[in-house]
Amino acid sequence: MAILSDEDKGQVREMLEDMDEEIDVYVFTTDDCDYCEDTIELNEEILDLTDKINFEEHDLDSDLAAEYDAAKYENGPVTVLTREGVSGVTYFGIPSGHEFSSYLQDLIVVSTGETDLEPNIEEALEDVDEEVNIKVFVTPTCPHCPGAVRTAHDFAVANDNITGEMIESQEFMELSQEYGVRGVPQININGTDAQFTGARPPQQFLDEVKNALK
């Protein structure tokens, strides 16, 4: 059974016309994963709507998964969007519900290399010269989560030192408990106590990142 309706497919096809360079989409799966098959199906349906995506499915214990650190939380599905010169955009869990809009926008941003950030934010991000990992815990029904995910992923596209992770909190329940997730979006920076809840404008988001590095 198709995940996207014919109307959805028409809208997605129109959106993805903004893609420029071809990108690689890797989905890493396990045998006992609740949403791996749905994630594969979703990507295969998107694949039919554009010629700018090279799609591959791999096991979570594969060498490629190790290369992209996809098995770090020992669960799937994990989706990595990348192309030459652009990395750090990862989805832990199916990009469904409100996160589907984030996913489509990320396909475009990774393809074009052009974020939605203001020039002053991109310029300030150039000063980040050490590794930064941003985890954004979400749920599919959270209307404010896509903004936080998009900001984290835009930061990753803008600066190679930054990685941005969407983490579907219900699929990765043990990880959510470890980080004390009570509300979403919850954003954690570098796996430390530097975290905050709620969508923030990019400038405030950047301020939180810089504070975490002090």
C-alpha atoms as a PDB file:
ATOM      1  CA  MET A   1       0.000   0.000   0.000  1.00  0.00           C
ATOM      2  CA  ALA A   2       1.377   3.377  -1.025  1.00  0.00           C
ATOM      3  CA  ILE A   3       2.375   5.792   1.739  1.00  0.00           C
ATOM      4  CA  LEU A   4       1.988   8.936  -0.367  1.00  0.00           C
ATOM      5  CA  SER A   5      -1.305   9.788  -2.042  1.00  0.00           C
ATOM      6  CA  ASP A   6      -1.396  10.899  -5.666  1.00  0.00           C
ATOM      7  CA  GLU A   7      -1.942  14.469  -4.453  1.00  0.00           C
ATOM      8  CA  ASP A   8       1.047  14.189  -2.118  1.00  0.00           C
ATOM      9  CA  LYS A   9       3.205  12.847  -4.921  1.00  0.00           C
ATOM     10  CA  GLY A  10       2.311  15.785  -7.127  1.00  0.00           C
ATOM     11  CA  GLN A  11       3.276  18.256  -4.420  1.00  0.00           C
ATOM     12  CA  VAL A  12       6.506  16.412  -3.612  1.00  0.00           C
ATOM     13  CA  ARG A  13       7.472  16.212  -7.281  1.00  0.00           C
ATOM     14  CA  GLU A  14       6.984  19.968  -7.614  1.00  0.00           C
ATOM     15  CA  MET A  15       9.037  20.669  -4.471  1.00  0.00           C
ATOM     16  CA  LEU A  16      11.922  18.480  -5.557  1.00  0.00           C
ATOM     17  CA  GLU A  17      12.262  20.353  -8.830  1.00  0.00           C
ATOM     18  CA  ASP A  18      14.366  22.749  -6.746  1.00  0.00           C
ATOM     19  CA  MET A  19      17.048  20.082  -6.317  1.00  0.00           C
ATOM     20  CA  ASP A  20      20.298  20.762  -8.146  1.00  0.00           C
ATOM     21  CA  GLU A  21      23.126  18.257  -7.624  1.00  0.00           C
ATOM     22  CA  GLU A  22      22.506  14.538  -7.218  1.00  0.00           C
ATOM     23  CA  ILE A  23      22.615  13.351  -3.622  1.00  0.00           C
ATOM     24  CA  ASP A  24      23.070   9.994  -1.903  1.00  0.00           C
ATOM     25  CA  VAL A  25      20.402   8.731   0.482  1.00  0.00           C
ATOM     26  CA  TYR A  26      21.416   5.769   2.620  1.00  0.00           C
ATOM     27  CA  VAL A  27      18.902   3.987   4.842  1.00  0.00           C
ATOM     28  CA  PHE A  28      20.351   1.604   7.425  1.00  0.00           C
ATOM     29  CA  THR A  29      18.048  -1.094   8.772  1.00  0.00           C
ATOM     30  CA  THR A  30      17.830  -4.023  11.170  1.00  0.00           C
ATOM     31  CA  ASP A  31      15.688  -7.154  11.077  1.00  0.00           C
ATOM     32  CA  ASP A  32      13.687  -6.213  14.189  1.00  0.00           C
ATOM     33  CA  CYS A  33      13.045  -2.564  13.349  1.00  0.00           C
ATOM     34  CA  ASP A  34       9.440  -1.349  13.615  1.00  0.00           C
ATOM     35  CA  TYR A  35       9.614   1.340  10.919  1.00  0.00           C
ATOM     36  CA  CYS A  36      12.428   0.194   8.636  1.00  0.00           C
ATOM     37  CA  GLU A  37      10.132  -1.174   5.929  1.00  0.00           C
ATOM     38  CA  ASP A  38       8.017   1.986   5.960  1.00  0.00           C
ATOM     39  CA  THR A  39      11.137   4.145   5.699  1.00  0.00           C
ATOM     40  CA  ILE A  40      12.348   2.132   2.713  1.00  0.00           C
ATOM     41  CA  GLU A  41       8.928   2.377   1.063  1.00  0.00           C
ATOM     42  CA  LEU A  42       8.728   6.121   1.678  1.00  0.00           C
ATOM     43  CA  ASN A  43      12.117   6.702   0.063  1.00  0.00           C
ATOM     44  CA  GLU A  44      11.329   4.460  -2.888  1.00  0.00           C
ATOM     45  CA  GLU A  45       8.172   6.481  -3.543  1.00  0.00           C
ATOM     46  CA  ILE A  46      10.176   9.712  -3.383  1.00  0.00           C
ATOM     47  CA  LEU A  47      12.765   8.150  -5.697  1.00  0.00           C
ATOM     48  CA  ASP A  48      10.113   7.849  -8.404  1.00  0.00           C
ATOM     49  CA  LEU A  49       9.502  11.604  -8.253  1.00  0.00           C
ATOM     50  CA  THR A  50      13.021  12.911  -8.989  1.00  0.00           C
ATOM     51  CA  ASP A  51      16.168  11.869 -10.809  1.00  0.00           C
ATOM     52  CA  LYS A  52      18.424  13.656  -8.302  1.00  0.00           C
ATOM     53  CA  ILE A  53      18.546  10.907  -5.652  1.00  0.00           C
ATOM     54  CA  ASN A  54      20.796   7.860  -5.518  1.00  0.00           C
ATOM     55  CA  PHE A  55      19.183   5.551  -2.963  1.00  0.00           C
ATOM     56  CA  GLU A  56      20.687   2.544  -1.190  1.00  0.00           C
ATOM     57  CA  GLU A  57      19.598   0.322   1.695  1.00  0.00           C
ATOM     58  CA  HIS A  58      22.251  -1.218   3.966  1.00  0.00           C
ATOM     59  CA  ASP A  59      22.353  -3.246   7.168  1.00  0.00           C
ATOM     60  CA  LEU A  60      23.063  -1.354  10.353  1.00  0.00           C
ATOM     61  CA  ASP A  61      26.104  -3.588  10.912  1.00  0.00           C
ATOM     62  CA  SER A  62      27.613  -2.840   7.477  1.00  0.00           C
ATOM     63  CA  ASP A  63      30.905  -1.100   6.828  1.00  0.00           C
ATOM     64  CA  LEU A  64      29.050   1.866   5.347  1.00  0.00           C
ATOM     65  CA  ALA A  65      26.976   2.191   8.521  1.00  0.00           C
ATOM     66  CA  ALA A  66      30.205   2.310  10.505  1.00  0.00           C
ATOM     67  CA  GLU A  67      31.560   4.982   8.161  1.00  0.00           C
ATOM     68  CA  TYR A  68      28.562   7.212   8.867  1.00  0.00           C
ATOM     69  CA  ASP A  69      28.293   6.221  12.552  1.00  0.00           C
ATOM     70  CA  ALA A  70      24.739   5.071  11.873  1.00  0.00           C
ATOM     71  CA  ALA A  71      24.808   2.304  14.487  1.00  0.00           C
ATOM     72  CA  LYS A  72      25.742   4.610  17.365  1.00  0.00           C
ATOM     73  CA  TYR A  73      22.312   4.172  19.009  1.00  0.00           C
ATOM     74  CA  GLU A  74      21.971   0.507  18.034  1.00  0.00           C
ATOM     75  CA  ASN A  75      18.597   0.870  16.368  1.00  0.00           C
ATOM     76  CA  GLY A  76      17.092   1.697  12.999  1.00  0.00           C
ATOM     77  CA  PRO A  77      15.956   3.029  10.707  1.00  0.00           C
ATOM     78  CA  VAL A  78      18.747   5.541  10.206  1.00  0.00           C
ATOM     79  CA  THR A  79      18.763   7.786   7.138  1.00  0.00           C
ATOM     80  CA  VAL A  80      21.835   9.698   5.984  1.00  0.00           C
ATOM     81  CA  LEU A  81      21.640  12.457   3.364  1.00  0.00           C
ATOM     82  CA  THR A  82      24.949  13.376   1.771  1.00  0.00           C
ATOM     83  CA  ARG A  83      26.843  14.376  -1.351  1.00  0.00           C
ATOM     84  CA  GLU A  84      30.400  15.453  -2.047  1.00  0.00           C
ATOM     85  CA  GLY A  85      31.178  18.380   0.224  1.00  0.00           C
ATOM     86  CA  VAL A  86      27.951  18.119   2.238  1.00  0.00           C
ATOM     87  CA  SER A  87      27.494  15.861   5.265  1.00  0.00           C
ATOM     88  CA  GLY A  88      26.216  15.713   8.823  1.00  0.00           C
ATOM     89  CA  VAL A  89      22.479  15.379   8.063  1.00  0.00           C
ATOM     90  CA  THR A  90      21.000  12.295   9.738  1.00  0.00           C
ATOM     91  CA  TYR A  91      17.548  11.012  10.718  1.00  0.00           C
ATOM     92  CA  PHE A  92      17.284   8.427  13.488  1.00  0.00           C
ATOM     93  CA  GLY A  93      13.757   7.117  13.016  1.00  0.00           C
ATOM     94  CA  ILE A  94      11.242   7.453  10.227  1.00  0.00           C
ATOM     95  CA  PRO A  95      10.800  11.030   8.928  1.00  0.00           C
ATOM     96  CA  SER A  96       7.012  10.922   9.105  1.00  0.00           C
ATOM     97  CA  GLY A  97       4.248  13.226  10.271  1.00  0.00           C
ATOM     98  CA  HIS A  98       5.448  16.800  10.605  1.00  0.00           C
ATOM     99  CA  GLU A  99       9.025  15.629  10.056  1.00  0.00           C
ATOM    100  CA  PHE A 100       8.247  14.692   6.464  1.00  0.00           C
ATOM    101  CA  SER A 101       8.358  18.392   5.582  1.00  0.00           C
ATOM    102  CA  SER A 102      11.806  18.651   7.203  1.00  0.00           C
ATOM    103  CA  TYR A 103      12.964  15.668   5.210  1.00  0.00           C
ATOM    104  CA  LEU A 104      11.872  17.114   1.874  1.00  0.00           C
ATOM    105  CA  GLN A 105      13.502  20.450   2.647  1.00  0.00           C
ATOM    106  CA  ASP A 106      16.711  18.671   3.656  1.00  0.00           C
ATOM    107  CA  LEU A 107      16.792  16.804   0.351  1.00  0.00           C
ATOM    108  CA  ILE A 108      16.755  20.162  -1.394  1.00  0.00           C
ATOM    109  CA  VAL A 109      19.293  21.835   0.914  1.00  0.00           C
ATOM    110  CA  VAL A 110      21.778  18.962   0.659  1.00  0.00           C
ATOM    111  CA  SER A 111      21.357  19.030  -3.108  1.00  0.00           C
ATOM    112  CA  THR A 112      21.835  22.777  -3.505  1.00  0.00           C
ATOM    113  CA  GLY A 113      24.146  23.416  -0.563  1.00  0.00           C
ATOM    114  CA  GLU A 114      22.081  26.519   0.144  1.00  0.00           C
ATOM    115  CA  THR A 115      20.529  26.777   3.617  1.00  0.00           C
ATOM    116  CA  ASP A 116      17.666  28.957   4.802  1.00  0.00           C
ATOM    117  CA  LEU A 117      19.972  30.738   7.243  1.00  0.00           C
ATOM    118  CA  GLU A 118      20.542  34.481   7.116  1.00  0.00           C
ATOM    119  CA  PRO A 119      24.005  35.459   5.822  1.00  0.00           C
ATOM    120  CA  ASN A 120      25.054  36.792   9.235  1.00  0.00           C
ATOM    121  CA  ILE A 121      24.247  33.419  10.832  1.00  0.00           C
ATOM    122  CA  GLU A 122      26.229  31.517   8.209  1.00  0.00           C
ATOM    123  CA  GLU A 123      29.139  33.900   8.692  1.00  0.00           C
ATOM    124  CA  ALA A 124      29.027  33.410  12.470  1.00  0.00           C
ATOM    125  CA  LEU A 125      28.974  29.632  11.993  1.00  0.00           C
ATOM    126  CA  GLU A 126      32.327  29.858  10.234  1.00  0.00           C
ATOM    127  CA  ASP A 127      33.877  30.606  13.639  1.00  0.00           C
ATOM    128  CA  VAL A 128      32.877  27.155  14.958  1.00  0.00           C
ATOM    129  CA  ASP A 129      36.190  25.317  14.598  1.00  0.00           C
ATOM    130  CA  GLU A 130      35.580  22.287  16.814  1.00  0.00           C
ATOM    131  CA  GLU A 131      33.260  19.302  16.507  1.00  0.00           C
ATOM    132  CA  VAL A 132      29.645  19.918  17.487  1.00  0.00           C
ATOM    133  CA  ASN A 133      26.906  17.294  17.645  1.00  0.00           C
ATOM    134  CA  ILE A 134      23.316  18.510  17.842  1.00  0.00           C
ATOM    135  CA  LYS A 135      20.589  16.036  18.800  1.00  0.00           C
ATOM    136  CA  VAL A 136      16.987  17.111  18.227  1.00  0.00           C
ATOM    137  CA  PHE A 137      14.455  14.823  19.906  1.00  0.00           C
ATOM    138  CA  VAL A 138      11.068  14.930  18.176  1.00  0.00           C
ATOM    139  CA  THR A 139       7.728  13.202  17.772  1.00  0.00           C
ATOM    140  CA  PRO A 140       5.830  12.980  14.467  1.00  0.00           C
ATOM    141  CA  THR A 141       2.897  14.963  15.877  1.00  0.00           C
ATOM    142  CA  CYS A 142       4.983  17.906  17.135  1.00  0.00           C
ATOM    143  CA  PRO A 143       4.333  20.989  14.950  1.00  0.00           C
ATOM    144  CA  HIS A 144       7.310  22.893  16.371  1.00  0.00           C
ATOM    145  CA  CYS A 145       9.885  20.138  15.878  1.00  0.00           C
ATOM    146  CA  PRO A 146      10.557  20.560  12.141  1.00  0.00           C
ATOM    147  CA  GLY A 147      11.900  24.070  12.695  1.00  0.00           C
ATOM    148  CA  ALA A 148      14.441  22.810  15.228  1.00  0.00           C
ATOM    149  CA  VAL A 149      15.452  19.915  12.976  1.00  0.00           C
ATOM    150  CA  ARG A 150      15.854  22.199   9.987  1.00  0.00           C
ATOM    151  CA  THR A 151      18.041  24.599  11.959  1.00  0.00           C
ATOM    152  CA  ALA A 152      20.289  21.801  13.221  1.00  0.00           C
ATOM    153  CA  HIS A 153      20.637  20.369   9.728  1.00  0.00           C
ATOM    154  CA  ASP A 154      21.226  23.798   8.185  1.00  0.00           C
ATOM    155  CA  PHE A 155      24.042  24.292  10.688  1.00  0.00           C
ATOM    156  CA  ALA A 156      25.511  20.949   9.604  1.00  0.00           C
ATOM    157  CA  VAL A 157      25.366  21.884   5.923  1.00  0.00           C
ATOM    158  CA  ALA A 158      26.917  25.282   6.628  1.00  0.00           C
ATOM    159  CA  ASN A 159      29.832  23.923   8.694  1.00  0.00           C
ATOM    160  CA  ASP A 160      31.579  20.560   8.291  1.00  0.00           C
ATOM    161  CA  ASN A 161      32.400  20.511  12.011  1.00  0.00           C
ATOM    162  CA  ILE A 162      28.715  20.246  12.890  1.00  0.00           C
ATOM    163  CA  THR A 163      26.488  17.171  12.737  1.00  0.00           C
ATOM    164  CA  GLY A 164      22.729  17.400  13.155  1.00  0.00           C
ATOM    165  CA  GLU A 165      20.576  14.459  14.219  1.00  0.00           C
ATOM    166  CA  MET A 166      16.813  14.156  14.245  1.00  0.00           C
ATOM    167  CA  ILE A 167      15.918  11.509  16.823  1.00  0.00           C
ATOM    168  CA  GLU A 168      12.363  10.184  16.939  1.00  0.00           C
ATOM    169  CA  SER A 169      11.994   9.954  20.697  1.00  0.00           C
ATOM    170  CA  GLN A 170       9.430   7.154  20.775  1.00  0.00           C
ATOM    171  CA  GLU A 171      11.438   4.903  18.467  1.00  0.00           C
ATOM    172  CA  PHE A 172      14.621   5.583  20.443  1.00  0.00           C
ATOM    173  CA  MET A 173      13.011   5.403  23.879  1.00  0.00           C
ATOM    174  CA  GLU A 174      16.105   4.338  25.842  1.00  0.00           C
ATOM    175  CA  LEU A 175      18.094   7.222  24.399  1.00  0.00           C
ATOM    176  CA  SER A 176      15.255   9.618  25.200  1.00  0.00           C
ATOM    177  CA  GLN A 177      15.205   8.389  28.784  1.00  0.00           C
ATOM    178  CA  GLU A 178      18.971   8.760  29.006  1.00  0.00           C
ATOM    179  CA  TYR A 179      18.670  12.417  28.013  1.00  0.00           C
ATOM    180  CA  GLY A 180      15.625  13.040  30.166  1.00  0.00           C
ATOM    181  CA  VAL A 181      13.316  14.003  27.333  1.00  0.00           C
ATOM    182  CA  ARG A 182      10.070  15.362  28.761  1.00  0.00           C
ATOM    183  CA  GLY A 183       8.965  17.637  25.963  1.00  0.00           C
ATOM    184  CA  VAL A 184       9.828  18.139  22.308  1.00  0.00           C
ATOM    185  CA  PRO A 185      11.668  19.442  20.516  1.00  0.00           C
ATOM    186  CA  GLN A 186      14.448  18.882  23.020  1.00  0.00           C
ATOM    187  CA  ILE A 187      17.863  19.876  21.749  1.00  0.00           C
ATOM    188  CA  ASN A 188      21.083  18.521  23.210  1.00  0.00           C
ATOM    189  CA  ILE A 189      24.527  19.789  22.251  1.00  0.00           C
ATOM    190  CA  ASN A 190      27.571  17.492  22.397  1.00  0.00           C
ATOM    191  CA  GLY A 191      25.930  14.987  24.722  1.00  0.00           C
ATOM    192  CA  THR A 192      26.355  17.286  27.729  1.00  0.00           C
ATOM    193  CA  ASP A 193      24.034  19.152  30.069  1.00  0.00           C
ATOM    194  CA  ALA A 194      23.817  21.852  27.402  1.00  0.00           C
ATOM    195  CA  GLN A 195      20.259  21.344  26.291  1.00  0.00           C
ATOM    196  CA  PHE A 196      17.045  23.269  25.851  1.00  0.00           C
ATOM    197  CA  THR A 197      13.439  22.585  24.905  1.00  0.00           C
ATOM    198  CA  GLY A 198      11.402  24.346  22.279  1.00  0.00           C
ATOM    199  CA  ALA A 199      12.002  25.779  18.844  1.00  0.00           C
ATOM    200  CA  ARG A 200      14.365  28.760  18.860  1.00  0.00           C
ATOM    201  CA  PRO A 201      15.213  31.243  16.113  1.00  0.00           C
ATOM    202  CA  PRO A 202      18.553  30.422  14.432  1.00  0.00           C
ATOM    203  CA  GLN A 203      20.392  33.215  16.267  1.00  0.00           C
ATOM    204  CA  GLN A 204      19.302  31.911  19.680  1.00  0.00           C
ATOM    205  CA  PHE A 205      20.079  28.378  18.525  1.00  0.00           C
ATOM    206  CA  LEU A 206      23.575  29.508  17.575  1.00  0.00           C
ATOM    207  CA  ASP A 207      23.985  31.255  20.932  1.00  0.00           C
ATOM    208  CA  GLU A 208      23.179  27.950  22.671  1.00  0.00           C
ATOM    209  CA  VAL A 209      25.814  26.171  20.578  1.00  0.00           C
ATOM    210  CA  LYS A 210      28.462  28.779  21.377  1.00  0.00           C
ATOM    211  CA  ASN A 211      27.597  28.677  25.091  1.00  0.00           C
ATOM    212  CA  ALA A 212      28.011  24.903  25.071  1.00  0.00           C
ATOM    213  CA  LEU A 213      31.500  25.264  23.642  1.00  0.00           C
ATOM    214  CA  LYS A 214      32.726  27.641  26.313  1.00  0.00           C
END
